[in-house]
N, C-alpha and C. Protein backbone atom coordinates (compact mmCIF):
# COMPACT_ATOMS: atom_id res chain seq x y z
N MET A 1 10.11 -10.95 5.63
CA MET A 1 9.80 -10.16 4.46
C MET A 1 9.12 -8.87 4.92
N ASN A 2 9.44 -7.77 4.28
CA ASN A 2 8.82 -6.49 4.58
C ASN A 2 7.81 -6.17 3.49
N LEU A 3 6.55 -6.00 3.89
CA LEU A 3 5.46 -5.81 2.95
C LEU A 3 4.91 -4.39 3.02
N LEU A 4 4.74 -3.77 1.86
CA LEU A 4 4.09 -2.47 1.76
C LEU A 4 2.70 -2.71 1.18
N LEU A 5 1.67 -2.30 1.90
CA LEU A 5 0.30 -2.53 1.46
C LEU A 5 -0.16 -1.41 0.53
N ASP A 6 -0.74 -1.81 -0.61
CA ASP A 6 -1.40 -0.85 -1.47
C ASP A 6 -2.65 -0.36 -0.72
N THR A 7 -3.15 0.79 -1.09
CA THR A 7 -4.28 1.38 -0.37
C THR A 7 -5.49 0.46 -0.35
N HIS A 8 -5.83 -0.14 -1.47
CA HIS A 8 -6.99 -1.03 -1.49
C HIS A 8 -6.77 -2.24 -0.60
N VAL A 9 -5.55 -2.71 -0.51
CA VAL A 9 -5.25 -3.86 0.36
C VAL A 9 -5.47 -3.48 1.82
N LEU A 10 -5.01 -2.31 2.20
CA LEU A 10 -5.24 -1.83 3.56
C LEU A 10 -6.73 -1.79 3.87
N LEU A 11 -7.50 -1.18 2.97
CA LEU A 11 -8.94 -1.05 3.22
C LEU A 11 -9.63 -2.41 3.26
N TRP A 12 -9.21 -3.32 2.39
CA TRP A 12 -9.78 -4.67 2.41
C TRP A 12 -9.43 -5.38 3.72
N TRP A 13 -8.20 -5.21 4.18
CA TRP A 13 -7.78 -5.81 5.45
C TRP A 13 -8.67 -5.32 6.59
N LEU A 14 -8.94 -4.01 6.61
CA LEU A 14 -9.73 -3.43 7.69
C LEU A 14 -11.22 -3.77 7.57
N ASP A 15 -11.67 -4.09 6.36
CA ASP A 15 -13.09 -4.34 6.13
C ASP A 15 -13.44 -5.83 6.27
N ASP A 16 -12.88 -6.66 5.40
CA ASP A 16 -13.24 -8.08 5.38
C ASP A 16 -12.12 -8.88 4.71
N PRO A 17 -10.99 -9.02 5.38
CA PRO A 17 -9.81 -9.60 4.73
C PRO A 17 -10.00 -11.02 4.21
N THR A 18 -10.72 -11.86 4.93
CA THR A 18 -10.82 -13.25 4.49
C THR A 18 -11.63 -13.40 3.22
N THR A 19 -12.50 -12.46 2.93
CA THR A 19 -13.30 -12.50 1.71
C THR A 19 -12.60 -11.78 0.56
N LEU A 20 -11.92 -10.67 0.88
CA LEU A 20 -11.41 -9.78 -0.16
C LEU A 20 -9.97 -10.05 -0.58
N LEU A 21 -9.17 -10.62 0.29
CA LEU A 21 -7.75 -10.82 0.00
C LEU A 21 -7.45 -12.27 -0.39
N SER A 22 -6.41 -12.44 -1.20
CA SER A 22 -5.97 -13.78 -1.58
C SER A 22 -5.40 -14.51 -0.36
N GLU A 23 -5.35 -15.80 -0.45
CA GLU A 23 -4.78 -16.60 0.64
C GLU A 23 -3.32 -16.24 0.88
N GLN A 24 -2.57 -16.02 -0.21
CA GLN A 24 -1.14 -15.68 -0.03
C GLN A 24 -0.97 -14.31 0.62
N ALA A 25 -1.85 -13.36 0.31
CA ALA A 25 -1.77 -12.05 0.95
C ALA A 25 -2.11 -12.17 2.43
N LEU A 26 -3.16 -12.91 2.74
CA LEU A 26 -3.53 -13.13 4.14
C LEU A 26 -2.39 -13.77 4.92
N THR A 27 -1.78 -14.78 4.33
CA THR A 27 -0.68 -15.48 4.99
C THR A 27 0.48 -14.52 5.22
N GLY A 28 0.82 -13.73 4.20
CA GLY A 28 1.93 -12.79 4.32
C GLY A 28 1.69 -11.72 5.37
N ILE A 29 0.48 -11.19 5.41
CA ILE A 29 0.17 -10.13 6.37
C ILE A 29 0.08 -10.68 7.79
N ARG A 30 -0.42 -11.89 7.92
CA ARG A 30 -0.56 -12.50 9.26
C ARG A 30 0.75 -13.04 9.82
N ASP A 31 1.73 -13.25 8.98
CA ASP A 31 3.01 -13.83 9.41
C ASP A 31 3.73 -12.85 10.34
N SER A 32 3.91 -13.25 11.58
CA SER A 32 4.52 -12.36 12.57
C SER A 32 5.99 -12.07 12.28
N ASP A 33 6.60 -12.83 11.38
CA ASP A 33 7.98 -12.55 10.99
C ASP A 33 8.07 -11.43 9.96
N ASN A 34 6.94 -11.06 9.38
CA ASN A 34 6.91 -10.01 8.36
C ASN A 34 6.60 -8.66 8.99
N GLN A 35 7.25 -7.65 8.49
CA GLN A 35 6.95 -6.28 8.89
C GLN A 35 5.94 -5.74 7.88
N ILE A 36 4.80 -5.27 8.38
CA ILE A 36 3.73 -4.78 7.50
C ILE A 36 3.73 -3.25 7.58
N ILE A 37 3.86 -2.64 6.42
CA ILE A 37 4.04 -1.19 6.34
C ILE A 37 2.88 -0.57 5.55
N VAL A 38 2.38 0.53 6.07
CA VAL A 38 1.37 1.34 5.39
C VAL A 38 1.97 2.72 5.20
N SER A 39 1.97 3.18 3.98
CA SER A 39 2.52 4.50 3.68
C SER A 39 1.50 5.59 3.99
N VAL A 40 2.00 6.75 4.39
CA VAL A 40 1.10 7.90 4.56
C VAL A 40 0.50 8.30 3.21
N VAL A 41 1.07 7.82 2.12
CA VAL A 41 0.49 8.05 0.79
C VAL A 41 -0.93 7.47 0.76
N SER A 42 -1.12 6.33 1.41
CA SER A 42 -2.46 5.73 1.45
C SER A 42 -3.43 6.61 2.24
N ALA A 43 -2.99 7.21 3.32
CA ALA A 43 -3.84 8.14 4.07
C ALA A 43 -4.22 9.33 3.20
N TRP A 44 -3.26 9.83 2.45
CA TRP A 44 -3.50 10.95 1.54
C TRP A 44 -4.54 10.56 0.48
N GLU A 45 -4.37 9.37 -0.11
CA GLU A 45 -5.29 8.90 -1.14
C GLU A 45 -6.70 8.73 -0.56
N VAL A 46 -6.80 8.10 0.60
CA VAL A 46 -8.10 7.89 1.22
C VAL A 46 -8.75 9.23 1.57
N ALA A 47 -7.99 10.16 2.10
CA ALA A 47 -8.52 11.47 2.48
C ALA A 47 -9.08 12.21 1.27
N ILE A 48 -8.36 12.19 0.16
CA ILE A 48 -8.83 12.88 -1.04
C ILE A 48 -10.10 12.22 -1.57
N LYS A 49 -10.09 10.90 -1.67
CA LYS A 49 -11.25 10.20 -2.21
C LYS A 49 -12.46 10.30 -1.27
N LYS A 50 -12.20 10.33 0.01
CA LYS A 50 -13.27 10.51 1.00
C LYS A 50 -13.88 11.90 0.87
N ALA A 51 -13.05 12.92 0.71
CA ALA A 51 -13.53 14.29 0.55
C ALA A 51 -14.36 14.46 -0.72
N LEU A 52 -14.04 13.68 -1.75
CA LEU A 52 -14.77 13.74 -3.02
C LEU A 52 -15.98 12.81 -3.04
N ASN A 53 -16.25 12.18 -1.90
CA ASN A 53 -17.35 11.21 -1.78
C ASN A 53 -17.21 10.04 -2.75
N LYS A 54 -15.96 9.66 -3.04
CA LYS A 54 -15.71 8.50 -3.90
C LYS A 54 -15.38 7.26 -3.09
N LEU A 55 -15.30 7.44 -1.77
CA LEU A 55 -14.86 6.33 -0.92
C LEU A 55 -15.40 6.55 0.49
N GLU A 56 -15.83 5.46 1.09
CA GLU A 56 -16.16 5.49 2.51
C GLU A 56 -15.00 4.87 3.25
N ALA A 57 -14.57 5.55 4.28
CA ALA A 57 -13.45 5.05 5.07
C ALA A 57 -13.63 5.53 6.51
N PRO A 58 -13.11 4.77 7.44
CA PRO A 58 -13.27 5.15 8.85
C PRO A 58 -12.52 6.44 9.19
N GLU A 59 -13.12 7.23 10.07
CA GLU A 59 -12.47 8.46 10.54
C GLU A 59 -11.24 8.14 11.38
N ASP A 60 -11.25 6.99 12.03
CA ASP A 60 -10.13 6.60 12.90
C ASP A 60 -9.14 5.69 12.16
N LEU A 61 -8.90 5.99 10.89
CA LEU A 61 -8.05 5.15 10.05
C LEU A 61 -6.67 4.94 10.67
N LYS A 62 -6.05 6.00 11.16
CA LYS A 62 -4.71 5.88 11.74
C LYS A 62 -4.72 4.91 12.92
N GLU A 63 -5.70 5.04 13.78
CA GLU A 63 -5.78 4.16 14.95
C GLU A 63 -5.98 2.71 14.51
N MET A 64 -6.78 2.51 13.47
CA MET A 64 -7.01 1.14 12.98
C MET A 64 -5.73 0.55 12.39
N ILE A 65 -4.94 1.37 11.72
CA ILE A 65 -3.66 0.91 11.18
C ILE A 65 -2.73 0.50 12.31
N VAL A 66 -2.62 1.36 13.30
CA VAL A 66 -1.73 1.08 14.44
C VAL A 66 -2.23 -0.13 15.22
N ASP A 67 -3.54 -0.21 15.44
CA ASP A 67 -4.11 -1.35 16.17
C ASP A 67 -3.92 -2.67 15.43
N SER A 68 -3.77 -2.61 14.11
CA SER A 68 -3.51 -3.82 13.32
C SER A 68 -2.06 -4.25 13.43
N GLY A 69 -1.23 -3.44 14.08
CA GLY A 69 0.18 -3.77 14.24
C GLY A 69 1.03 -3.35 13.05
N PHE A 70 0.48 -2.51 12.20
CA PHE A 70 1.20 -2.06 11.01
C PHE A 70 2.04 -0.83 11.33
N GLU A 71 3.12 -0.69 10.60
CA GLU A 71 4.00 0.47 10.77
C GLU A 71 3.65 1.53 9.73
N LEU A 72 3.57 2.78 10.17
CA LEU A 72 3.33 3.89 9.24
C LEU A 72 4.67 4.38 8.71
N MET A 73 4.73 4.56 7.39
CA MET A 73 5.96 5.04 6.75
C MET A 73 5.70 6.42 6.14
N PRO A 74 6.51 7.41 6.52
CA PRO A 74 6.38 8.73 5.91
C PRO A 74 6.98 8.74 4.50
N VAL A 75 6.73 9.80 3.79
CA VAL A 75 7.35 10.01 2.48
C VAL A 75 8.58 10.88 2.72
N ASP A 76 9.71 10.46 2.19
CA ASP A 76 10.90 11.30 2.29
C ASP A 76 11.38 11.69 0.89
N TYR A 77 12.42 12.46 0.86
CA TYR A 77 12.92 13.00 -0.40
C TYR A 77 13.23 11.90 -1.42
N GLU A 78 13.93 10.85 -0.99
CA GLU A 78 14.32 9.77 -1.90
C GLU A 78 13.10 9.10 -2.53
N HIS A 79 12.04 8.94 -1.74
CA HIS A 79 10.81 8.33 -2.26
C HIS A 79 10.24 9.19 -3.39
N ALA A 80 10.14 10.48 -3.13
CA ALA A 80 9.57 11.39 -4.13
C ALA A 80 10.47 11.50 -5.36
N TRP A 81 11.77 11.55 -5.15
CA TRP A 81 12.71 11.75 -6.25
C TRP A 81 12.79 10.52 -7.15
N GLN A 82 12.65 9.35 -6.60
CA GLN A 82 12.71 8.10 -7.36
C GLN A 82 11.61 8.02 -8.41
N VAL A 83 10.50 8.72 -8.20
CA VAL A 83 9.37 8.68 -9.14
C VAL A 83 9.82 9.09 -10.54
N LYS A 84 10.79 9.98 -10.65
CA LYS A 84 11.26 10.47 -11.96
C LYS A 84 11.83 9.34 -12.81
N ASP A 85 12.31 8.28 -12.19
CA ASP A 85 12.92 7.17 -12.91
C ASP A 85 11.94 6.06 -13.28
N LEU A 86 10.69 6.20 -12.87
CA LEU A 86 9.70 5.17 -13.17
C LEU A 86 9.14 5.38 -14.58
N PRO A 87 9.10 4.32 -15.39
CA PRO A 87 8.44 4.43 -16.69
C PRO A 87 6.96 4.75 -16.49
N LEU A 88 6.35 5.30 -17.50
CA LEU A 88 4.94 5.69 -17.39
C LEU A 88 3.98 4.54 -17.70
N HIS A 89 4.20 3.41 -17.05
CA HIS A 89 3.28 2.29 -17.18
C HIS A 89 1.93 2.63 -16.57
N HIS A 90 1.99 3.46 -15.56
CA HIS A 90 0.82 3.76 -14.75
C HIS A 90 0.89 5.23 -14.38
N ARG A 91 -0.19 5.96 -14.53
CA ARG A 91 -0.18 7.41 -14.31
C ARG A 91 -0.73 7.82 -12.95
N ASP A 92 -1.29 6.90 -12.20
CA ASP A 92 -1.86 7.23 -10.90
C ASP A 92 -0.75 7.71 -9.96
N PRO A 93 -0.82 8.95 -9.48
CA PRO A 93 0.27 9.49 -8.66
C PRO A 93 0.44 8.76 -7.33
N PHE A 94 -0.65 8.27 -6.76
CA PHE A 94 -0.56 7.54 -5.50
C PHE A 94 0.22 6.24 -5.72
N ASP A 95 -0.18 5.48 -6.73
CA ASP A 95 0.49 4.20 -7.01
C ASP A 95 1.94 4.41 -7.39
N ARG A 96 2.23 5.44 -8.15
CA ARG A 96 3.62 5.69 -8.54
C ARG A 96 4.49 5.99 -7.32
N LEU A 97 3.96 6.74 -6.39
CA LEU A 97 4.74 7.04 -5.18
C LEU A 97 4.87 5.80 -4.30
N LEU A 98 3.83 4.99 -4.23
CA LEU A 98 3.94 3.74 -3.47
C LEU A 98 4.98 2.80 -4.09
N VAL A 99 4.97 2.68 -5.41
CA VAL A 99 5.98 1.85 -6.09
C VAL A 99 7.37 2.40 -5.80
N SER A 100 7.52 3.70 -5.86
CA SER A 100 8.80 4.33 -5.58
C SER A 100 9.27 3.99 -4.16
N GLN A 101 8.37 4.06 -3.21
CA GLN A 101 8.73 3.71 -1.83
C GLN A 101 9.15 2.25 -1.74
N ALA A 102 8.42 1.38 -2.40
CA ALA A 102 8.78 -0.04 -2.38
C ALA A 102 10.18 -0.25 -2.96
N LYS A 103 10.49 0.45 -4.04
CA LYS A 103 11.81 0.32 -4.66
C LYS A 103 12.91 0.84 -3.74
N VAL A 104 12.74 2.05 -3.23
CA VAL A 104 13.77 2.68 -2.40
C VAL A 104 14.01 1.87 -1.12
N GLU A 105 12.95 1.36 -0.53
CA GLU A 105 13.06 0.66 0.75
C GLU A 105 13.20 -0.85 0.61
N SER A 106 13.27 -1.36 -0.64
CA SER A 106 13.37 -2.80 -0.91
C SER A 106 12.24 -3.59 -0.24
N LEU A 107 11.01 -3.15 -0.51
CA LEU A 107 9.83 -3.78 0.06
C LEU A 107 9.10 -4.59 -1.01
N THR A 108 8.36 -5.59 -0.57
CA THR A 108 7.45 -6.31 -1.44
C THR A 108 6.11 -5.59 -1.39
N PHE A 109 5.58 -5.27 -2.55
CA PHE A 109 4.35 -4.49 -2.66
C PHE A 109 3.17 -5.44 -2.75
N VAL A 110 2.22 -5.30 -1.85
CA VAL A 110 1.03 -6.15 -1.84
C VAL A 110 -0.08 -5.39 -2.56
N THR A 111 -0.49 -5.90 -3.73
CA THR A 111 -1.47 -5.21 -4.56
C THR A 111 -2.20 -6.20 -5.45
N ARG A 112 -3.34 -5.77 -5.94
CA ARG A 112 -4.03 -6.54 -6.97
C ARG A 112 -4.01 -5.79 -8.30
N ASP A 113 -3.38 -4.64 -8.33
CA ASP A 113 -3.31 -3.81 -9.53
C ASP A 113 -2.33 -4.43 -10.52
N SER A 114 -2.85 -5.01 -11.59
CA SER A 114 -2.00 -5.73 -12.55
C SER A 114 -1.04 -4.79 -13.29
N TRP A 115 -1.36 -3.52 -13.42
CA TRP A 115 -0.46 -2.56 -14.09
C TRP A 115 0.87 -2.43 -13.36
N LEU A 116 0.84 -2.62 -12.06
CA LEU A 116 2.05 -2.40 -11.27
C LEU A 116 3.08 -3.52 -11.44
N LYS A 117 2.67 -4.63 -12.02
CA LYS A 117 3.60 -5.72 -12.30
C LYS A 117 4.65 -5.30 -13.33
N ALA A 118 4.36 -4.27 -14.11
CA ALA A 118 5.30 -3.79 -15.13
C ALA A 118 6.52 -3.11 -14.53
N TYR A 119 6.43 -2.72 -13.27
CA TYR A 119 7.58 -2.11 -12.59
C TYR A 119 8.45 -3.22 -12.00
N ASN A 120 9.69 -2.94 -11.90
CA ASN A 120 10.63 -3.93 -11.38
C ASN A 120 10.64 -3.88 -9.84
N VAL A 121 9.53 -4.32 -9.26
CA VAL A 121 9.40 -4.34 -7.81
C VAL A 121 8.73 -5.66 -7.44
N PRO A 122 9.17 -6.30 -6.36
CA PRO A 122 8.53 -7.55 -5.95
C PRO A 122 7.06 -7.32 -5.60
N ILE A 123 6.20 -8.20 -6.07
CA ILE A 123 4.76 -8.09 -5.86
C ILE A 123 4.24 -9.35 -5.15
N LEU A 124 3.40 -9.13 -4.16
CA LEU A 124 2.63 -10.21 -3.55
C LEU A 124 1.19 -9.96 -3.97
N GLU A 125 0.62 -10.89 -4.71
CA GLU A 125 -0.72 -10.73 -5.28
C GLU A 125 -1.77 -10.70 -4.17
N ALA A 126 -2.54 -9.62 -4.17
CA ALA A 126 -3.59 -9.46 -3.14
C ALA A 126 -4.86 -10.16 -3.58
């Protein structure tokens, strides 16, 4: 299974996964048969929130992602363009682009955001 981590899931994984993540999310992320993907959208979200002092995050975020064995996924045209077809269940631009990436790339989205269940994308509850 190919898993796309929501930004909060990534941060929880890097901080204290056994306390913050569900057992099924931990199992899915730890499963060596699964490809774990982190979008650069999450880096963008963390950078903006960090600059606004709304979030504390490590300066070496990229290295921590790579050291965790996760794959970084860029945003391409299809990801951005797919957003136009998403219903307005959720207005957060970061989440909408992450959902779009999950749809385009046929990924299971790991999140605890209940609003995202309204989109037709496979969800693994974080």
